[in-house]
Every structure is written in structure tokens, then in C-alpha cells.
N, C-alpha and C. Protein backbone atom coordinates (compact mmCIF):
# COMPACT_ATOMS: atom_id res chain seq x y z
N MET A 1 42.32 -25.44 -9.52
CA MET A 1 42.29 -24.02 -9.21
C MET A 1 42.45 -23.86 -7.70
N LYS A 2 43.27 -22.91 -7.32
CA LYS A 2 43.50 -22.62 -5.91
C LYS A 2 43.16 -21.16 -5.66
N SER A 3 42.54 -20.92 -4.50
CA SER A 3 42.17 -19.56 -4.14
C SER A 3 42.81 -19.21 -2.81
N ASN A 4 43.48 -18.07 -2.77
CA ASN A 4 44.14 -17.60 -1.56
C ASN A 4 43.77 -16.13 -1.38
N ASN A 5 42.76 -15.88 -0.53
CA ASN A 5 42.24 -14.53 -0.30
C ASN A 5 41.82 -13.90 -1.62
N ASP A 6 42.56 -12.91 -2.11
CA ASP A 6 42.20 -12.20 -3.32
C ASP A 6 42.83 -12.80 -4.58
N GLU A 7 43.66 -13.80 -4.43
CA GLU A 7 44.36 -14.37 -5.57
C GLU A 7 43.79 -15.72 -5.95
N ILE A 8 43.75 -15.97 -7.25
CA ILE A 8 43.33 -17.27 -7.78
C ILE A 8 44.46 -17.75 -8.68
N SER A 9 44.84 -18.98 -8.51
CA SER A 9 45.85 -19.55 -9.39
C SER A 9 45.27 -20.78 -10.07
N PHE A 10 45.71 -21.00 -11.29
CA PHE A 10 45.20 -22.11 -12.09
C PHE A 10 46.31 -23.13 -12.33
N GLU A 11 45.91 -24.36 -12.44
CA GLU A 11 46.87 -25.41 -12.76
C GLU A 11 47.01 -25.59 -14.27
N ASN A 12 45.98 -25.11 -15.01
CA ASN A 12 46.06 -25.23 -16.47
C ASN A 12 45.09 -24.23 -17.13
N GLU A 13 45.21 -24.12 -18.44
CA GLU A 13 44.40 -23.19 -19.21
C GLU A 13 42.92 -23.54 -19.14
N LYS A 14 42.61 -24.82 -19.11
CA LYS A 14 41.21 -25.26 -19.07
C LYS A 14 40.50 -24.71 -17.84
N GLU A 15 41.15 -24.76 -16.69
CA GLU A 15 40.55 -24.23 -15.45
C GLU A 15 40.24 -22.75 -15.59
N ALA A 16 41.17 -22.00 -16.18
CA ALA A 16 40.97 -20.57 -16.37
C ALA A 16 39.79 -20.30 -17.30
N ARG A 17 39.70 -21.05 -18.38
CA ARG A 17 38.61 -20.87 -19.33
C ARG A 17 37.26 -21.24 -18.71
N ILE A 18 37.23 -22.28 -17.90
CA ILE A 18 35.99 -22.69 -17.23
C ILE A 18 35.53 -21.59 -16.28
N LEU A 19 36.45 -21.07 -15.48
CA LEU A 19 36.09 -20.01 -14.54
C LEU A 19 35.62 -18.77 -15.29
N LEU A 20 36.30 -18.44 -16.36
CA LEU A 20 35.91 -17.28 -17.18
C LEU A 20 34.48 -17.46 -17.69
N GLU A 21 34.18 -18.60 -18.25
CA GLU A 21 32.85 -18.85 -18.81
C GLU A 21 31.78 -18.87 -17.72
N GLU A 22 32.06 -19.53 -16.60
CA GLU A 22 31.10 -19.58 -15.49
C GLU A 22 30.85 -18.18 -14.93
N SER A 23 31.90 -17.39 -14.81
CA SER A 23 31.76 -16.03 -14.29
C SER A 23 30.93 -15.17 -15.23
N ARG A 24 31.19 -15.29 -16.53
CA ARG A 24 30.42 -14.52 -17.52
C ARG A 24 28.95 -14.93 -17.52
N MET A 25 28.70 -16.22 -17.38
CA MET A 25 27.30 -16.69 -17.33
C MET A 25 26.59 -16.12 -16.10
N ARG A 26 27.27 -16.11 -14.98
CA ARG A 26 26.66 -15.57 -13.76
C ARG A 26 26.43 -14.06 -13.88
N ILE A 27 27.36 -13.36 -14.51
CA ILE A 27 27.18 -11.91 -14.74
C ILE A 27 25.95 -11.68 -15.60
N ASP A 28 25.77 -12.49 -16.64
CA ASP A 28 24.57 -12.37 -17.48
C ASP A 28 23.30 -12.59 -16.66
N GLU A 29 23.31 -13.58 -15.78
CA GLU A 29 22.15 -13.83 -14.92
C GLU A 29 21.89 -12.64 -14.00
N ILE A 30 22.95 -12.09 -13.43
CA ILE A 30 22.81 -10.95 -12.54
C ILE A 30 22.28 -9.74 -13.30
N ASP A 31 22.77 -9.52 -14.52
CA ASP A 31 22.26 -8.42 -15.34
C ASP A 31 20.76 -8.56 -15.57
N ASN A 32 20.31 -9.78 -15.85
CA ASN A 32 18.87 -10.02 -16.03
C ASN A 32 18.12 -9.71 -14.74
N GLU A 33 18.66 -10.15 -13.62
CA GLU A 33 18.03 -9.89 -12.33
C GLU A 33 17.99 -8.40 -12.03
N LEU A 34 19.06 -7.69 -12.35
CA LEU A 34 19.10 -6.24 -12.14
C LEU A 34 18.02 -5.54 -12.96
N CYS A 35 17.88 -5.94 -14.22
CA CYS A 35 16.83 -5.35 -15.07
C CYS A 35 15.45 -5.63 -14.49
N ASP A 36 15.24 -6.85 -14.01
CA ASP A 36 13.96 -7.18 -13.39
C ASP A 36 13.71 -6.31 -12.15
N LEU A 37 14.73 -6.13 -11.34
CA LEU A 37 14.58 -5.31 -10.12
C LEU A 37 14.35 -3.84 -10.46
N ILE A 38 15.05 -3.34 -11.47
CA ILE A 38 14.85 -1.94 -11.88
C ILE A 38 13.43 -1.76 -12.41
N SER A 39 12.96 -2.73 -13.18
CA SER A 39 11.59 -2.67 -13.69
C SER A 39 10.59 -2.70 -12.55
N GLU A 40 10.81 -3.56 -11.57
CA GLU A 40 9.92 -3.63 -10.42
C GLU A 40 9.94 -2.33 -9.63
N ARG A 41 11.14 -1.78 -9.43
CA ARG A 41 11.29 -0.52 -8.70
C ARG A 41 10.54 0.60 -9.41
N THR A 42 10.70 0.66 -10.73
CA THR A 42 10.06 1.70 -11.52
C THR A 42 8.54 1.53 -11.54
N SER A 43 8.08 0.30 -11.54
CA SER A 43 6.63 0.05 -11.59
C SER A 43 5.92 0.55 -10.33
N LEU A 44 6.65 0.75 -9.26
CA LEU A 44 6.06 1.27 -8.03
C LEU A 44 5.72 2.76 -8.14
N ALA A 45 6.19 3.39 -9.21
CA ALA A 45 5.99 4.83 -9.39
C ALA A 45 4.52 5.21 -9.43
N LYS A 46 3.68 4.38 -10.03
CA LYS A 46 2.26 4.72 -10.16
C LYS A 46 1.62 4.90 -8.78
N GLY A 47 1.82 3.93 -7.90
CA GLY A 47 1.25 4.04 -6.56
C GLY A 47 1.83 5.21 -5.79
N ILE A 48 3.12 5.43 -5.98
CA ILE A 48 3.77 6.54 -5.27
C ILE A 48 3.23 7.88 -5.73
N VAL A 49 3.14 8.07 -7.05
CA VAL A 49 2.73 9.37 -7.56
C VAL A 49 1.28 9.67 -7.22
N PHE A 50 0.39 8.68 -7.30
CA PHE A 50 -1.00 8.95 -6.94
C PHE A 50 -1.15 9.19 -5.45
N SER A 51 -0.35 8.51 -4.63
CA SER A 51 -0.36 8.77 -3.19
C SER A 51 0.13 10.18 -2.89
N LYS A 52 1.24 10.55 -3.54
CA LYS A 52 1.76 11.91 -3.34
C LYS A 52 0.74 12.95 -3.79
N GLN A 53 0.10 12.70 -4.92
CA GLN A 53 -0.89 13.63 -5.45
C GLN A 53 -2.04 13.78 -4.46
N TYR A 54 -2.54 12.68 -3.96
CA TYR A 54 -3.65 12.71 -3.00
C TYR A 54 -3.26 13.46 -1.72
N LEU A 55 -2.01 13.23 -1.29
CA LEU A 55 -1.52 13.86 -0.06
C LEU A 55 -1.03 15.29 -0.27
N GLY A 56 -1.05 15.76 -1.51
CA GLY A 56 -0.60 17.12 -1.82
C GLY A 56 0.91 17.27 -1.73
N MET A 57 1.63 16.20 -1.98
CA MET A 57 3.09 16.23 -1.90
C MET A 57 3.69 16.42 -3.30
N PRO A 58 4.83 17.10 -3.37
CA PRO A 58 5.50 17.22 -4.67
C PRO A 58 6.17 15.89 -5.06
N ILE A 59 6.45 15.75 -6.36
CA ILE A 59 7.14 14.55 -6.84
C ILE A 59 8.51 14.47 -6.20
N TYR A 60 9.21 15.60 -6.17
CA TYR A 60 10.55 15.61 -5.61
C TYR A 60 10.47 15.74 -4.10
N ASP A 61 11.01 14.76 -3.41
CA ASP A 61 11.02 14.74 -1.95
C ASP A 61 12.48 14.69 -1.49
N GLU A 62 13.04 15.84 -1.25
CA GLU A 62 14.47 15.96 -0.93
C GLU A 62 14.84 15.14 0.31
N SER A 63 14.00 15.16 1.32
CA SER A 63 14.33 14.42 2.55
C SER A 63 14.36 12.91 2.29
N ARG A 64 13.44 12.41 1.49
CA ARG A 64 13.42 10.98 1.16
C ARG A 64 14.66 10.60 0.36
N GLU A 65 15.02 11.42 -0.61
CA GLU A 65 16.21 11.13 -1.41
C GLU A 65 17.46 11.13 -0.54
N LYS A 66 17.52 12.04 0.42
CA LYS A 66 18.68 12.09 1.32
C LYS A 66 18.77 10.80 2.13
N VAL A 67 17.64 10.34 2.64
CA VAL A 67 17.62 9.09 3.42
C VAL A 67 18.08 7.91 2.56
N VAL A 68 17.58 7.86 1.33
CA VAL A 68 17.95 6.77 0.42
C VAL A 68 19.45 6.80 0.16
N HIS A 69 20.00 7.98 -0.13
CA HIS A 69 21.43 8.08 -0.42
C HIS A 69 22.29 7.73 0.80
N GLU A 70 21.85 8.14 1.98
CA GLU A 70 22.60 7.79 3.19
C GLU A 70 22.60 6.27 3.41
N LYS A 71 21.45 5.65 3.20
CA LYS A 71 21.34 4.20 3.37
C LYS A 71 22.23 3.48 2.36
N ILE A 72 22.19 3.93 1.12
CA ILE A 72 22.98 3.29 0.07
C ILE A 72 24.47 3.50 0.31
N GLU A 73 24.85 4.67 0.78
CA GLU A 73 26.26 4.93 1.09
C GLU A 73 26.75 3.97 2.16
N LYS A 74 25.94 3.79 3.18
CA LYS A 74 26.31 2.87 4.26
C LYS A 74 26.46 1.44 3.73
N LEU A 75 25.49 0.99 2.93
CA LEU A 75 25.55 -0.36 2.36
C LEU A 75 26.77 -0.53 1.45
N ALA A 76 27.05 0.49 0.64
CA ALA A 76 28.20 0.42 -0.27
C ALA A 76 29.50 0.28 0.53
N LYS A 77 29.62 1.04 1.60
CA LYS A 77 30.83 0.95 2.44
C LYS A 77 30.95 -0.44 3.07
N GLU A 78 29.82 -0.96 3.57
CA GLU A 78 29.84 -2.29 4.19
C GLU A 78 30.27 -3.37 3.20
N LYS A 79 29.91 -3.20 1.94
CA LYS A 79 30.23 -4.20 0.92
C LYS A 79 31.49 -3.85 0.14
N ASP A 80 32.20 -2.82 0.62
CA ASP A 80 33.46 -2.39 0.01
C ASP A 80 33.29 -2.06 -1.48
N LEU A 81 32.22 -1.33 -1.78
CA LEU A 81 31.95 -0.87 -3.14
C LEU A 81 32.30 0.61 -3.25
N ASP A 82 32.57 1.05 -4.45
CA ASP A 82 32.88 2.45 -4.71
C ASP A 82 31.64 3.28 -4.42
N VAL A 83 31.67 4.06 -3.35
CA VAL A 83 30.51 4.83 -2.90
C VAL A 83 30.07 5.84 -3.95
N VAL A 84 31.01 6.48 -4.62
CA VAL A 84 30.68 7.49 -5.63
C VAL A 84 29.91 6.86 -6.78
N ILE A 85 30.38 5.72 -7.26
CA ILE A 85 29.70 5.07 -8.39
C ILE A 85 28.33 4.55 -7.96
N ILE A 86 28.24 3.96 -6.79
CA ILE A 86 26.95 3.47 -6.31
C ILE A 86 25.98 4.63 -6.15
N ASP A 87 26.46 5.77 -5.67
CA ASP A 87 25.62 6.96 -5.54
C ASP A 87 25.14 7.43 -6.92
N GLN A 88 25.99 7.35 -7.92
CA GLN A 88 25.58 7.73 -9.28
C GLN A 88 24.50 6.78 -9.80
N ILE A 89 24.63 5.52 -9.52
CA ILE A 89 23.62 4.55 -9.94
C ILE A 89 22.28 4.88 -9.28
N VAL A 90 22.31 5.19 -7.99
CA VAL A 90 21.08 5.53 -7.28
C VAL A 90 20.49 6.83 -7.84
N ASN A 91 21.34 7.78 -8.20
CA ASN A 91 20.85 9.00 -8.84
C ASN A 91 20.10 8.67 -10.12
N MET A 92 20.66 7.78 -10.93
CA MET A 92 20.00 7.40 -12.18
C MET A 92 18.67 6.70 -11.91
N LEU A 93 18.63 5.83 -10.91
CA LEU A 93 17.38 5.16 -10.56
C LEU A 93 16.33 6.16 -10.07
N THR A 94 16.78 7.15 -9.32
CA THR A 94 15.87 8.19 -8.84
C THR A 94 15.31 8.99 -10.00
N ILE A 95 16.17 9.35 -10.94
CA ILE A 95 15.73 10.09 -12.12
C ILE A 95 14.72 9.25 -12.91
N LEU A 96 15.00 7.98 -13.06
CA LEU A 96 14.09 7.09 -13.77
C LEU A 96 12.72 7.07 -13.09
N SER A 97 12.69 6.98 -11.77
CA SER A 97 11.44 6.97 -11.02
C SER A 97 10.69 8.29 -11.16
N LYS A 98 11.42 9.40 -11.03
CA LYS A 98 10.77 10.71 -11.16
C LYS A 98 10.22 10.91 -12.57
N ASN A 99 10.97 10.49 -13.57
CA ASN A 99 10.48 10.61 -14.95
C ASN A 99 9.23 9.78 -15.15
N GLU A 100 9.20 8.58 -14.59
CA GLU A 100 8.02 7.72 -14.70
C GLU A 100 6.83 8.37 -13.99
N GLN A 101 7.07 8.96 -12.83
CA GLN A 101 5.99 9.62 -12.10
C GLN A 101 5.45 10.80 -12.89
N LYS A 102 6.35 11.58 -13.50
CA LYS A 102 5.91 12.72 -14.32
C LYS A 102 5.09 12.24 -15.52
N GLU A 103 5.51 11.15 -16.14
CA GLU A 103 4.78 10.59 -17.28
C GLU A 103 3.41 10.10 -16.85
N ILE A 104 3.33 9.47 -15.70
CA ILE A 104 2.04 9.00 -15.17
C ILE A 104 1.11 10.17 -14.94
N LEU A 105 1.63 11.24 -14.35
CA LEU A 105 0.81 12.44 -14.12
C LEU A 105 0.36 13.04 -15.44
N ARG A 106 1.25 13.07 -16.42
CA ARG A 106 0.91 13.62 -17.73
C ARG A 106 -0.22 12.80 -18.36
N ARG A 107 -0.10 11.48 -18.31
CA ARG A 107 -1.15 10.63 -18.88
C ARG A 107 -2.45 10.80 -18.12
N ASN A 108 -2.38 11.00 -16.82
CA ASN A 108 -3.57 11.19 -16.01
C ASN A 108 -4.29 12.48 -16.42
N VAL A 109 -3.52 13.54 -16.65
CA VAL A 109 -4.09 14.82 -17.08
C VAL A 109 -4.70 14.67 -18.47
N ASP A 110 -4.06 13.89 -19.33
CA ASP A 110 -4.57 13.68 -20.69
C ASP A 110 -5.73 12.69 -20.74
N GLY A 111 -6.16 12.20 -19.58
CA GLY A 111 -7.31 11.31 -19.53
C GLY A 111 -7.02 9.85 -19.84
N GLN A 112 -5.78 9.46 -19.77
CA GLN A 112 -5.44 8.07 -20.07
C GLN A 112 -5.49 7.19 -18.83
N TYR A 113 -5.71 7.77 -17.66
CA TYR A 113 -5.90 6.98 -16.43
C TYR A 113 -7.25 7.32 -15.86
């Protein structure tokens, strides 16, 4: 197998199949790591929501979300990723965190915490 910048050429079918399988295995590993990171990120919601509650802050913090989106946009550009899609992913993660915080508050009101 030869690599020249963005192009990869193979000397035979076996090389192509090996690269395909190795790439798919690594994608599976990355997917697992992403799920672990999303779970870890979401698990921080409990500390965040109780801190916000104690400080009298609302769940939705527009200024914090703006900072996060600006940071992510910069990182996406640096890594030559589609900024719009990365922004959508961050939106989904933010929604997930807010939903978790709302659920934590609901359980707290219901006496489960």
C-alpha cells in the first residue's frame, strides 16, 4: 500500500481488504469511546444542576452555550471538520445535558434525591 497525501493506492485486493477491516475496527473502537465520553459528559449534569440551583441560576445559560459553540467552531476549523455538522452535534449534546438536568430536578422535587 502506498500513501500520497490524500490518495492511497493498493498493490492488491488483500491490502485493500486489510485496510478496510482495520479501519472499521478502529471506527468501532472510536464509537465506543465516544459513547463513554458522552456518558461521562452527561453524568456531570447532577453536579452542575445542583450548583446552579444553589446559586440561583437557570438551567439554560445562554452565555455559556455561546462560549462552548465558539470554542467548538474554532476546533472544528482547525481540524478541517464541517463546522455546521459539529455545531449540530454540540447542540444535541447540550440538549442531552439540559434534559438530564431537568430530570434530576424533577426527581429531586419528587423526593428521590
